[in-house]
Amino acid sequence: MRGIILFFIVTSIFIFLSASGIYFFENEAQPTHFSSIFSSLWWAIVTLTTVGYGDVYPITIGGKMFTFFVLVIGVGIVTIPAGLVATALQKAREMEED
């Protein structure tokens, strides 16, 4: 239980940092899409959980490089818990068979 809470706290912090970072890089180039950190949260959540919808995307070089790192870390946020769940399910299956 403690690990799950820590995971959600770390993920929430990373989402906020991602929204802040993309706001820093893209606000001047796209003030309608990235008008504030809170409006940038949509981009951060979509980018960290999927590959993006394509409705909002970076156009500056700094924003594109920042997005690359966010995508790599986003894949880690999804795959690490998936691996932990798969391992737990496998152990539960082994215990059930014994």
PDB file of N, CA and C in Angstrom:
ATOM      1  N   MET A   1       0.824  -1.193   0.000  1.00  0.00           N
ATOM      2  CA  MET A   1       0.000   0.000   0.000  1.00  0.00           C
ATOM      3  C   MET A   1       0.868   1.256   0.000  1.00  0.00           C
ATOM      4  N   ARG A   2       1.939   1.191   0.766  1.00  0.00           N
ATOM      5  CA  ARG A   2       2.839   2.339   0.859  1.00  0.00           C
ATOM      6  C   ARG A   2       3.492   2.631  -0.487  1.00  0.00           C
ATOM      7  N   GLY A   3       3.832   1.562  -1.227  1.00  0.00           N
ATOM      8  CA  GLY A   3       4.447   1.720  -2.539  1.00  0.00           C
ATOM      9  C   GLY A   3       3.509   2.358  -3.544  1.00  0.00           C
ATOM     10  N   ILE A   4       2.230   2.009  -3.465  1.00  0.00           N
ATOM     11  CA  ILE A   4       1.248   2.571  -4.387  1.00  0.00           C
ATOM     12  C   ILE A   4       1.084   4.069  -4.139  1.00  0.00           C
ATOM     13  N   ILE A   5       1.025   4.444  -2.873  1.00  0.00           N
ATOM     14  CA  ILE A   5       0.895   5.864  -2.537  1.00  0.00           C
ATOM     15  C   ILE A   5       2.123   6.632  -3.009  1.00  0.00           C
ATOM     16  N   LEU A   6       3.291   6.074  -2.792  1.00  0.00           N
ATOM     17  CA  LEU A   6       4.526   6.719  -3.242  1.00  0.00           C
ATOM     18  C   LEU A   6       4.538   6.846  -4.763  1.00  0.00           C
ATOM     19  N   PHE A   7       4.081   5.812  -5.464  1.00  0.00           N
ATOM     20  CA  PHE A   7       4.017   5.852  -6.921  1.00  0.00           C
ATOM     21  C   PHE A   7       3.113   6.987  -7.397  1.00  0.00           C
ATOM     22  N   PHE A   8       1.939   7.141  -6.793  1.00  0.00           N
ATOM     23  CA  PHE A   8       1.022   8.204  -7.189  1.00  0.00           C
ATOM     24  C   PHE A   8       1.582   9.587  -6.871  1.00  0.00           C
ATOM     25  N   ILE A   9       2.292   9.712  -5.777  1.00  0.00           N
ATOM     26  CA  ILE A   9       2.895  11.004  -5.433  1.00  0.00           C
ATOM     27  C   ILE A   9       3.982  11.362  -6.439  1.00  0.00           C
ATOM     28  N   VAL A  10       4.853  10.408  -6.753  1.00  0.00           N
ATOM     29  CA  VAL A  10       5.931  10.655  -7.723  1.00  0.00           C
ATOM     30  C   VAL A  10       5.349  10.965  -9.100  1.00  0.00           C
ATOM     31  N   THR A  11       4.324  10.215  -9.501  1.00  0.00           N
ATOM     32  CA  THR A  11       3.695  10.457 -10.794  1.00  0.00           C
ATOM     33  C   THR A  11       3.049  11.836 -10.847  1.00  0.00           C
ATOM     34  N   SER A  12       2.373  12.227  -9.784  1.00  0.00           N
ATOM     35  CA  SER A  12       1.739  13.552  -9.740  1.00  0.00           C
ATOM     36  C   SER A  12       2.775  14.668  -9.822  1.00  0.00           C
ATOM     37  N   ILE A  13       3.865  14.504  -9.126  1.00  0.00           N
ATOM     38  CA  ILE A  13       4.941  15.498  -9.181  1.00  0.00           C
ATOM     39  C   ILE A  13       5.520  15.573 -10.588  1.00  0.00           C
ATOM     40  N   PHE A  14       5.722  14.418 -11.207  1.00  0.00           N
ATOM     41  CA  PHE A  14       6.285  14.418 -12.555  1.00  0.00           C
ATOM     42  C   PHE A  14       5.325  15.035 -13.569  1.00  0.00           C
ATOM     43  N   ILE A  15       4.032  14.806 -13.419  1.00  0.00           N
ATOM     44  CA  ILE A  15       3.054  15.431 -14.308  1.00  0.00           C
ATOM     45  C   ILE A  15       3.116  16.951 -14.174  1.00  0.00           C
ATOM     46  N   PHE A  16       3.178  17.442 -12.943  1.00  0.00           N
ATOM     47  CA  PHE A  16       3.261  18.884 -12.730  1.00  0.00           C
ATOM     48  C   PHE A  16       4.562  19.461 -13.291  1.00  0.00           C
ATOM     49  N   LEU A  17       5.681  18.762 -13.088  1.00  0.00           N
ATOM     50  CA  LEU A  17       6.959  19.240 -13.626  1.00  0.00           C
ATOM     51  C   LEU A  17       6.953  19.228 -15.155  1.00  0.00           C
ATOM     52  N   SER A  18       6.303  18.237 -15.744  1.00  0.00           N
ATOM     53  CA  SER A  18       6.199  18.181 -17.203  1.00  0.00           C
ATOM     54  C   SER A  18       5.362  19.338 -17.729  1.00  0.00           C
ATOM     55  N   ALA A  19       4.255  19.628 -17.067  1.00  0.00           N
ATOM     56  CA  ALA A  19       3.414  20.755 -17.479  1.00  0.00           C
ATOM     57  C   ALA A  19       4.178  22.074 -17.343  1.00  0.00           C
ATOM     58  N   SER A  20       4.945  22.215 -16.282  1.00  0.00           N
ATOM     59  CA  SER A  20       5.740  23.433 -16.087  1.00  0.00           C
ATOM     60  C   SER A  20       6.815  23.559 -17.153  1.00  0.00           C
ATOM     61  N   GLY A  21       7.470  22.452 -17.466  1.00  0.00           N
ATOM     62  CA  GLY A  21       8.531  22.475 -18.473  1.00  0.00           C
ATOM     63  C   GLY A  21       8.023  22.807 -19.858  1.00  0.00           C
ATOM     64  N   ILE A  22       6.919  22.174 -20.276  1.00  0.00           N
ATOM     65  CA  ILE A  22       6.407  22.463 -21.614  1.00  0.00           C
ATOM     66  C   ILE A  22       5.870  23.889 -21.687  1.00  0.00           C
ATOM     67  N   TYR A  23       5.331  24.383 -20.595  1.00  0.00           N
ATOM     68  CA  TYR A  23       4.893  25.785 -20.553  1.00  0.00           C
ATOM     69  C   TYR A  23       6.079  26.719 -20.776  1.00  0.00           C
ATOM     70  N   PHE A  24       7.192  26.412 -20.134  1.00  0.00           N
ATOM     71  CA  PHE A  24       8.400  27.224 -20.277  1.00  0.00           C
ATOM     72  C   PHE A  24       8.874  27.257 -21.726  1.00  0.00           C
ATOM     73  N   PHE A  25       8.864  26.102 -22.390  1.00  0.00           N
ATOM     74  CA  PHE A  25       9.379  26.024 -23.757  1.00  0.00           C
ATOM     75  C   PHE A  25       8.386  26.518 -24.812  1.00  0.00           C
ATOM     76  N   GLU A  26       7.107  26.313 -24.602  1.00  0.00           N
ATOM     77  CA  GLU A  26       6.135  26.545 -25.671  1.00  0.00           C
ATOM     78  C   GLU A  26       5.215  27.751 -25.480  1.00  0.00           C
ATOM     79  N   ASN A  27       5.238  28.398 -24.342  1.00  0.00           N
ATOM     80  CA  ASN A  27       4.290  29.485 -24.092  1.00  0.00           C
ATOM     81  C   ASN A  27       4.399  30.620 -25.115  1.00  0.00           C
ATOM     82  N   GLU A  28       5.591  31.040 -25.431  1.00  0.00           N
ATOM     83  CA  GLU A  28       5.758  32.160 -26.371  1.00  0.00           C
ATOM     84  C   GLU A  28       5.366  31.763 -27.787  1.00  0.00           C
ATOM     85  N   ALA A  29       5.650  30.528 -28.191  1.00  0.00           N
ATOM     86  CA  ALA A  29       5.355  30.088 -29.552  1.00  0.00           C
ATOM     87  C   ALA A  29       3.879  29.741 -29.742  1.00  0.00           C
ATOM     88  N   GLN A  30       3.230  29.210 -28.703  1.00  0.00           N
ATOM     89  CA  GLN A  30       1.831  28.799 -28.795  1.00  0.00           C
ATOM     90  C   GLN A  30       1.050  29.272 -27.564  1.00  0.00           C
ATOM     91  N   PRO A  31       0.807  30.564 -27.456  1.00  0.00           N
ATOM     92  CA  PRO A  31       0.138  31.062 -26.248  1.00  0.00           C
ATOM     93  C   PRO A  31      -1.310  30.586 -26.101  1.00  0.00           C
ATOM     94  N   THR A  32      -1.950  30.160 -27.184  1.00  0.00           N
ATOM     95  CA  THR A  32      -3.334  29.684 -27.054  1.00  0.00           C
ATOM     96  C   THR A  32      -3.392  28.280 -26.467  1.00  0.00           C
ATOM     97  N   HIS A  33      -2.434  27.429 -26.804  1.00  0.00           N
ATOM     98  CA  HIS A  33      -2.424  26.055 -26.296  1.00  0.00           C
ATOM     99  C   HIS A  33      -1.769  25.945 -24.930  1.00  0.00           C
ATOM    100  N   PHE A  34      -0.722  26.699 -24.713  1.00  0.00           N
ATOM    101  CA  PHE A  34       0.033  26.628 -23.462  1.00  0.00           C
ATOM    102  C   PHE A  34      -0.046  27.977 -22.752  1.00  0.00           C
ATOM    103  N   SER A  35      -1.247  28.403 -22.418  1.00  0.00           N
ATOM    104  CA  SER A  35      -1.444  29.729 -21.826  1.00  0.00           C
ATOM    105  C   SER A  35      -1.079  29.784 -20.344  1.00  0.00           C
ATOM    106  N   SER A  36      -1.099  28.641 -19.666  1.00  0.00           N
ATOM    107  CA  SER A  36      -0.714  28.587 -18.259  1.00  0.00           C
ATOM    108  C   SER A  36      -0.214  27.174 -17.946  1.00  0.00           C
ATOM    109  N   ILE A  37       0.346  27.027 -16.775  1.00  0.00           N
ATOM    110  CA  ILE A  37       0.810  25.696 -16.368  1.00  0.00           C
ATOM    111  C   ILE A  37      -0.373  24.744 -16.250  1.00  0.00           C
ATOM    112  N   PHE A  38      -1.492  25.256 -15.775  1.00  0.00           N
ATOM    113  CA  PHE A  38      -2.653  24.386 -15.606  1.00  0.00           C
ATOM    114  C   PHE A  38      -3.267  23.979 -16.945  1.00  0.00           C
ATOM    115  N   SER A  39      -3.200  24.855 -17.947  1.00  0.00           N
ATOM    116  CA  SER A  39      -3.675  24.435 -19.269  1.00  0.00           C
ATOM    117  C   SER A  39      -2.679  23.488 -19.927  1.00  0.00           C
ATOM    118  N   SER A  40      -1.438  23.524 -19.507  1.00  0.00           N
ATOM    119  CA  SER A  40      -0.426  22.599 -20.020  1.00  0.00           C
ATOM    120  C   SER A  40      -0.549  21.216 -19.385  1.00  0.00           C
ATOM    121  N   LEU A  41      -1.328  21.099 -18.319  1.00  0.00           N
ATOM    122  CA  LEU A  41      -1.521  19.791 -17.686  1.00  0.00           C
ATOM    123  C   LEU A  41      -2.155  18.785 -18.649  1.00  0.00           C
ATOM    124  N   TRP A  42      -3.041  19.256 -19.526  1.00  0.00           N
ATOM    125  CA  TRP A  42      -3.649  18.346 -20.508  1.00  0.00           C
ATOM    126  C   TRP A  42      -2.562  17.696 -21.352  1.00  0.00           C
ATOM    127  N   TRP A  43      -1.645  18.508 -21.874  1.00  0.00           N
ATOM    128  CA  TRP A  43      -0.555  17.973 -22.682  1.00  0.00           C
ATOM    129  C   TRP A  43       0.274  16.988 -21.870  1.00  0.00           C
ATOM    130  N   ALA A  44       0.595  17.337 -20.621  1.00  0.00           N
ATOM    131  CA  ALA A  44       1.442  16.489 -19.785  1.00  0.00           C
ATOM    132  C   ALA A  44       0.786  15.140 -19.519  1.00  0.00           C
ATOM    133  N   ILE A  45      -0.481  15.129 -19.182  1.00  0.00           N
ATOM    134  CA  ILE A  45      -1.165  13.870 -18.878  1.00  0.00           C
ATOM    135  C   ILE A  45      -1.278  13.003 -20.121  1.00  0.00           C
ATOM    136  N   VAL A  46      -1.649  13.600 -21.235  1.00  0.00           N
ATOM    137  CA  VAL A  46      -1.786  12.836 -22.480  1.00  0.00           C
ATOM    138  C   VAL A  46      -0.438  12.299 -22.932  1.00  0.00           C
ATOM    139  N   THR A  47       0.604  13.084 -22.806  1.00  0.00           N
ATOM    140  CA  THR A  47       1.928  12.658 -23.253  1.00  0.00           C
ATOM    141  C   THR A  47       2.501  11.571 -22.353  1.00  0.00           C
ATOM    142  N   LEU A  48       2.268  11.663 -21.050  1.00  0.00           N
ATOM    143  CA  LEU A  48       2.818  10.658 -20.140  1.00  0.00           C
ATOM    144  C   LEU A  48       2.051   9.340 -20.182  1.00  0.00           C
ATOM    145  N   THR A  49       0.790   9.367 -20.531  1.00  0.00           N
ATOM    146  CA  THR A  49       0.006   8.139 -20.485  1.00  0.00           C
ATOM    147  C   THR A  49      -0.176   7.474 -21.841  1.00  0.00           C
ATOM    148  N   THR A  50      -0.039   8.229 -22.921  1.00  0.00           N
ATOM    149  CA  THR A  50      -0.155   7.677 -24.267  1.00  0.00           C
ATOM    150  C   THR A  50       0.934   8.286 -25.120  1.00  0.00           C
ATOM    151  N   VAL A  51       0.793   8.147 -26.406  1.00  0.00           N
ATOM    152  CA  VAL A  51       1.746   8.787 -27.312  1.00  0.00           C
ATOM    153  C   VAL A  51       1.213  10.140 -27.764  1.00  0.00           C
ATOM    154  N   GLY A  52       0.104  10.559 -27.227  1.00  0.00           N
ATOM    155  CA  GLY A  52      -0.465  11.865 -27.533  1.00  0.00           C
ATOM    156  C   GLY A  52      -1.590  11.760 -28.542  1.00  0.00           C
ATOM    157  N   TYR A  53      -2.499  12.694 -28.462  1.00  0.00           N
ATOM    158  CA  TYR A  53      -3.636  12.732 -29.385  1.00  0.00           C
ATOM    159  C   TYR A  53      -3.325  13.527 -30.642  1.00  0.00           C
ATOM    160  N   GLY A  54      -2.357  14.407 -30.581  1.00  0.00           N
ATOM    161  CA  GLY A  54      -2.017  15.229 -31.726  1.00  0.00           C
ATOM    162  C   GLY A  54      -2.728  16.565 -31.752  1.00  0.00           C
ATOM    163  N   ASP A  55      -3.580  16.819 -30.779  1.00  0.00           N
ATOM    164  CA  ASP A  55      -4.276  18.104 -30.760  1.00  0.00           C
ATOM    165  C   ASP A  55      -3.381  19.227 -30.262  1.00  0.00           C
ATOM    166  N   VAL A  56      -2.457  18.925 -29.364  1.00  0.00           N
ATOM    167  CA  VAL A  56      -1.505  19.895 -28.842  1.00  0.00           C
ATOM    168  C   VAL A  56      -0.131  19.238 -28.881  1.00  0.00           C
ATOM    169  N   TYR A  57       0.806  19.887 -29.543  1.00  0.00           N
ATOM    170  CA  TYR A  57       2.148  19.330 -29.648  1.00  0.00           C
ATOM    171  C   TYR A  57       3.162  20.466 -29.730  1.00  0.00           C
ATOM    172  N   PRO A  58       4.406  20.199 -29.351  1.00  0.00           N
ATOM    173  CA  PRO A  58       5.420  21.262 -29.360  1.00  0.00           C
ATOM    174  C   PRO A  58       5.878  21.581 -30.780  1.00  0.00           C
ATOM    175  N   ILE A  59       6.228  22.841 -31.000  1.00  0.00           N
ATOM    176  CA  ILE A  59       6.746  23.242 -32.310  1.00  0.00           C
ATOM    177  C   ILE A  59       8.165  23.818 -32.216  1.00  0.00           C
ATOM    178  N   THR A  60       8.620  24.133 -31.013  1.00  0.00           N
ATOM    179  CA  THR A  60       9.982  24.663 -30.863  1.00  0.00           C
ATOM    180  C   THR A  60      10.965  23.513 -30.659  1.00  0.00           C
ATOM    181  N   ILE A  61      12.207  23.771 -30.930  1.00  0.00           N
ATOM    182  CA  ILE A  61      13.240  22.735 -30.755  1.00  0.00           C
ATOM    183  C   ILE A  61      13.350  22.342 -29.281  1.00  0.00           C
ATOM    184  N   GLY A  62      13.345  23.317 -28.387  1.00  0.00           N
ATOM    185  CA  GLY A  62      13.418  23.026 -26.952  1.00  0.00           C
ATOM    186  C   GLY A  62      12.229  22.203 -26.492  1.00  0.00           C
ATOM    187  N   GLY A  63      11.042  22.551 -26.986  1.00  0.00           N
ATOM    188  CA  GLY A  63       9.843  21.799 -26.633  1.00  0.00           C
ATOM    189  C   GLY A  63       9.881  20.380 -27.149  1.00  0.00           C
ATOM    190  N   LYS A  64      10.417  20.185 -28.348  1.00  0.00           N
ATOM    191  CA  LYS A  64      10.520  18.830 -28.914  1.00  0.00           C
ATOM    192  C   LYS A  64      11.527  17.987 -28.141  1.00  0.00           C
ATOM    193  N   MET A  65      12.648  18.586 -27.761  1.00  0.00           N
ATOM    194  CA  MET A  65      13.639  17.830 -26.982  1.00  0.00           C
ATOM    195  C   MET A  65      13.078  17.497 -25.603  1.00  0.00           C
ATOM    196  N   PHE A  66      12.404  18.450 -24.988  1.00  0.00           N
ATOM    197  CA  PHE A  66      11.791  18.207 -23.685  1.00  0.00           C
ATOM    198  C   PHE A  66      10.752  17.088 -23.791  1.00  0.00           C
ATOM    199  N   THR A  67       9.956  17.108 -24.853  1.00  0.00           N
ATOM    200  CA  THR A  67       8.941  16.076 -25.070  1.00  0.00           C
ATOM    201  C   THR A  67       9.568  14.704 -25.208  1.00  0.00           C
ATOM    202  N   PHE A  68      10.715  14.613 -25.874  1.00  0.00           N
ATOM    203  CA  PHE A  68      11.405  13.332 -26.013  1.00  0.00           C
ATOM    204  C   PHE A  68      11.705  12.727 -24.648  1.00  0.00           C
ATOM    205  N   PHE A  69      12.250  13.526 -23.753  1.00  0.00           N
ATOM    206  CA  PHE A  69      12.573  13.013 -22.423  1.00  0.00           C
ATOM    207  C   PHE A  69      11.316  12.666 -21.626  1.00  0.00           C
ATOM    208  N   VAL A  70      10.275  13.461 -21.778  1.00  0.00           N
ATOM    209  CA  VAL A  70       9.018  13.166 -21.093  1.00  0.00           C
ATOM    210  C   VAL A  70       8.433  11.850 -21.602  1.00  0.00           C
ATOM    211  N   LEU A  71       8.499  11.615 -22.907  1.00  0.00           N
ATOM    212  CA  LEU A  71       7.978  10.370 -23.466  1.00  0.00           C
ATOM    213  C   LEU A  71       8.753   9.152 -22.957  1.00  0.00           C
ATOM    214  N   VAL A  72      10.067   9.270 -22.895  1.00  0.00           N
ATOM    215  CA  VAL A  72      10.883   8.151 -22.402  1.00  0.00           C
ATOM    216  C   VAL A  72      10.542   7.846 -20.949  1.00  0.00           C
ATOM    217  N   ILE A  73      10.426   8.860 -20.132  1.00  0.00           N
ATOM    218  CA  ILE A  73      10.085   8.654 -18.729  1.00  0.00           C
ATOM    219  C   ILE A  73       8.641   8.172 -18.600  1.00  0.00           C
ATOM    220  N   GLY A  74       7.763   8.672 -19.458  1.00  0.00           N
ATOM    221  CA  GLY A  74       6.367   8.219 -19.445  1.00  0.00           C
ATOM    222  C   GLY A  74       6.242   6.741 -19.735  1.00  0.00           C
ATOM    223  N   VAL A  75       7.033   6.238 -20.646  1.00  0.00           N
ATOM    224  CA  VAL A  75       7.030   4.797 -20.924  1.00  0.00           C
ATOM    225  C   VAL A  75       7.475   4.041 -19.683  1.00  0.00           C
ATOM    226  N   GLY A  76       8.447   4.558 -18.975  1.00  0.00           N
ATOM    227  CA  GLY A  76       8.895   3.921 -17.732  1.00  0.00           C
ATOM    228  C   GLY A  76       7.826   3.932 -16.659  1.00  0.00           C
ATOM    229  N   ILE A  77       7.054   5.005 -16.601  1.00  0.00           N
ATOM    230  CA  ILE A  77       5.993   5.094 -15.602  1.00  0.00           C
ATOM    231  C   ILE A  77       4.929   4.035 -15.862  1.00  0.00           C
ATOM    232  N   VAL A  78       4.697   3.712 -17.124  1.00  0.00           N
ATOM    233  CA  VAL A  78       3.692   2.703 -17.460  1.00  0.00           C
ATOM    234  C   VAL A  78       4.255   1.294 -17.366  1.00  0.00           C
ATOM    235  N   THR A  79       5.476   1.073 -17.853  1.00  0.00           N
ATOM    236  CA  THR A  79       5.998  -0.297 -17.925  1.00  0.00           C
ATOM    237  C   THR A  79       6.460  -0.856 -16.588  1.00  0.00           C
ATOM    238  N   ILE A  80       6.996  -0.040 -15.729  1.00  0.00           N
ATOM    239  CA  ILE A  80       7.466  -0.555 -14.435  1.00  0.00           C
ATOM    240  C   ILE A  80       6.313  -1.105 -13.602  1.00  0.00           C
ATOM    241  N   PRO A  81       5.220  -0.361 -13.410  1.00  0.00           N
ATOM    242  CA  PRO A  81       4.103  -0.950 -12.664  1.00  0.00           C
ATOM    243  C   PRO A  81       3.490  -2.160 -13.379  1.00  0.00           C
ATOM    244  N   ALA A  82       3.467  -2.141 -14.703  1.00  0.00           N
ATOM    245  CA  ALA A  82       2.924  -3.291 -15.440  1.00  0.00           C
ATOM    246  C   ALA A  82       3.765  -4.537 -15.182  1.00  0.00           C
ATOM    247  N   GLY A  83       5.065  -4.377 -15.144  1.00  0.00           N
ATOM    248  CA  GLY A  83       5.945  -5.501 -14.835  1.00  0.00           C
ATOM    249  C   GLY A  83       5.763  -5.998 -13.415  1.00  0.00           C
ATOM    250  N   LEU A  84       5.574  -5.077 -12.482  1.00  0.00           N
ATOM    251  CA  LEU A  84       5.355  -5.473 -11.091  1.00  0.00           C
ATOM    252  C   LEU A  84       4.036  -6.231 -10.934  1.00  0.00           C
ATOM    253  N   VAL A  85       2.994  -5.769 -11.619  1.00  0.00           N
ATOM    254  CA  VAL A  85       1.699  -6.449 -11.552  1.00  0.00           C
ATOM    255  C   VAL A  85       1.802  -7.833 -12.184  1.00  0.00           C
ATOM    256  N   ALA A  86       2.477  -7.940 -13.317  1.00  0.00           N
ATOM    257  CA  ALA A  86       2.631  -9.239 -13.976  1.00  0.00           C
ATOM    258  C   ALA A  86       3.405 -10.216 -13.093  1.00  0.00           C
ATOM    259  N   THR A  87       4.436  -9.747 -12.426  1.00  0.00           N
ATOM    260  CA  THR A  87       5.203 -10.603 -11.526  1.00  0.00           C
ATOM    261  C   THR A  87       4.358 -11.055 -10.346  1.00  0.00           C
ATOM    262  N   ALA A  88       3.582 -10.141  -9.786  1.00  0.00           N
ATOM    263  CA  ALA A  88       2.710 -10.493  -8.656  1.00  0.00           C
ATOM    264  C   ALA A  88       1.656 -11.510  -9.076  1.00  0.00           C
ATOM    265  N   LEU A  89       1.099 -11.348 -10.256  1.00  0.00           N
ATOM    266  CA  LEU A  89       0.103 -12.308 -10.741  1.00  0.00           C
ATOM    267  C   LEU A  89       0.717 -13.682 -10.972  1.00  0.00           C
ATOM    268  N   GLN A  90       1.926 -13.708 -11.501  1.00  0.00           N
ATOM    269  CA  GLN A  90       2.614 -14.985 -11.714  1.00  0.00           C
ATOM    270  C   GLN A  90       2.895 -15.680 -10.387  1.00  0.00           C
ATOM    271  N   LYS A  91       3.327 -14.937  -9.391  1.00  0.00           N
ATOM    272  CA  LYS A  91       3.576 -15.533  -8.068  1.00  0.00           C
ATOM    273  C   LYS A  91       2.280 -16.031  -7.448  1.00  0.00           C
ATOM    274  N   ALA A  92       1.195 -15.279  -7.629  1.00  0.00           N
ATOM    275  CA  ALA A  92      -0.087 -15.717  -7.099  1.00  0.00           C
ATOM    276  C   ALA A  92      -0.541 -17.000  -7.775  1.00  0.00           C
ATOM    277  N   ARG A  93      -0.329 -17.100  -9.059  1.00  0.00           N
ATOM    278  CA  ARG A  93      -0.673 -18.331  -9.795  1.00  0.00           C
ATOM    279  C   ARG A  93       0.147 -19.514  -9.308  1.00  0.00           C
ATOM    280  N   GLU A  94       1.444 -19.291  -9.090  1.00  0.00           N
ATOM    281  CA  GLU A  94       2.305 -20.371  -8.583  1.00  0.00           C
ATOM    282  C   GLU A  94       1.851 -20.813  -7.193  1.00  0.00           C
ATOM    283  N   MET A  95       1.496 -19.860  -6.340  1.00  0.00           N
ATOM    284  CA  MET A  95       1.034 -20.200  -4.992  1.00  0.00           C
ATOM    285  C   MET A  95      -0.288 -20.958  -5.033  1.00  0.00           C
ATOM    286  N   GLU A  96      -1.138 -20.601  -5.969  1.00  0.00           N
ATOM    287  CA  GLU A  96      -2.428 -21.270  -6.114  1.00  0.00           C
ATOM    288  C   GLU A  96      -2.258 -22.698  -6.611  1.00  0.00           C
ATOM    289  N   GLU A  97      -1.295 -22.946  -7.479  1.00  0.00           N
ATOM    290  CA  GLU A  97      -1.052 -24.282  -7.996  1.00  0.00           C
ATOM    291  C   GLU A  97      -0.448 -25.201  -6.937  1.00  0.00           C
ATOM    292  N   ASP A  98       0.312 -24.628  -6.010  1.00  0.00           N
ATOM    293  CA  ASP A  98       0.947 -25.449  -4.949  1.00  0.00           C
ATOM    294  C   ASP A  98      -0.069 -25.752  -3.905  1.00  0.00           C
TER     295      ASP A  98
END
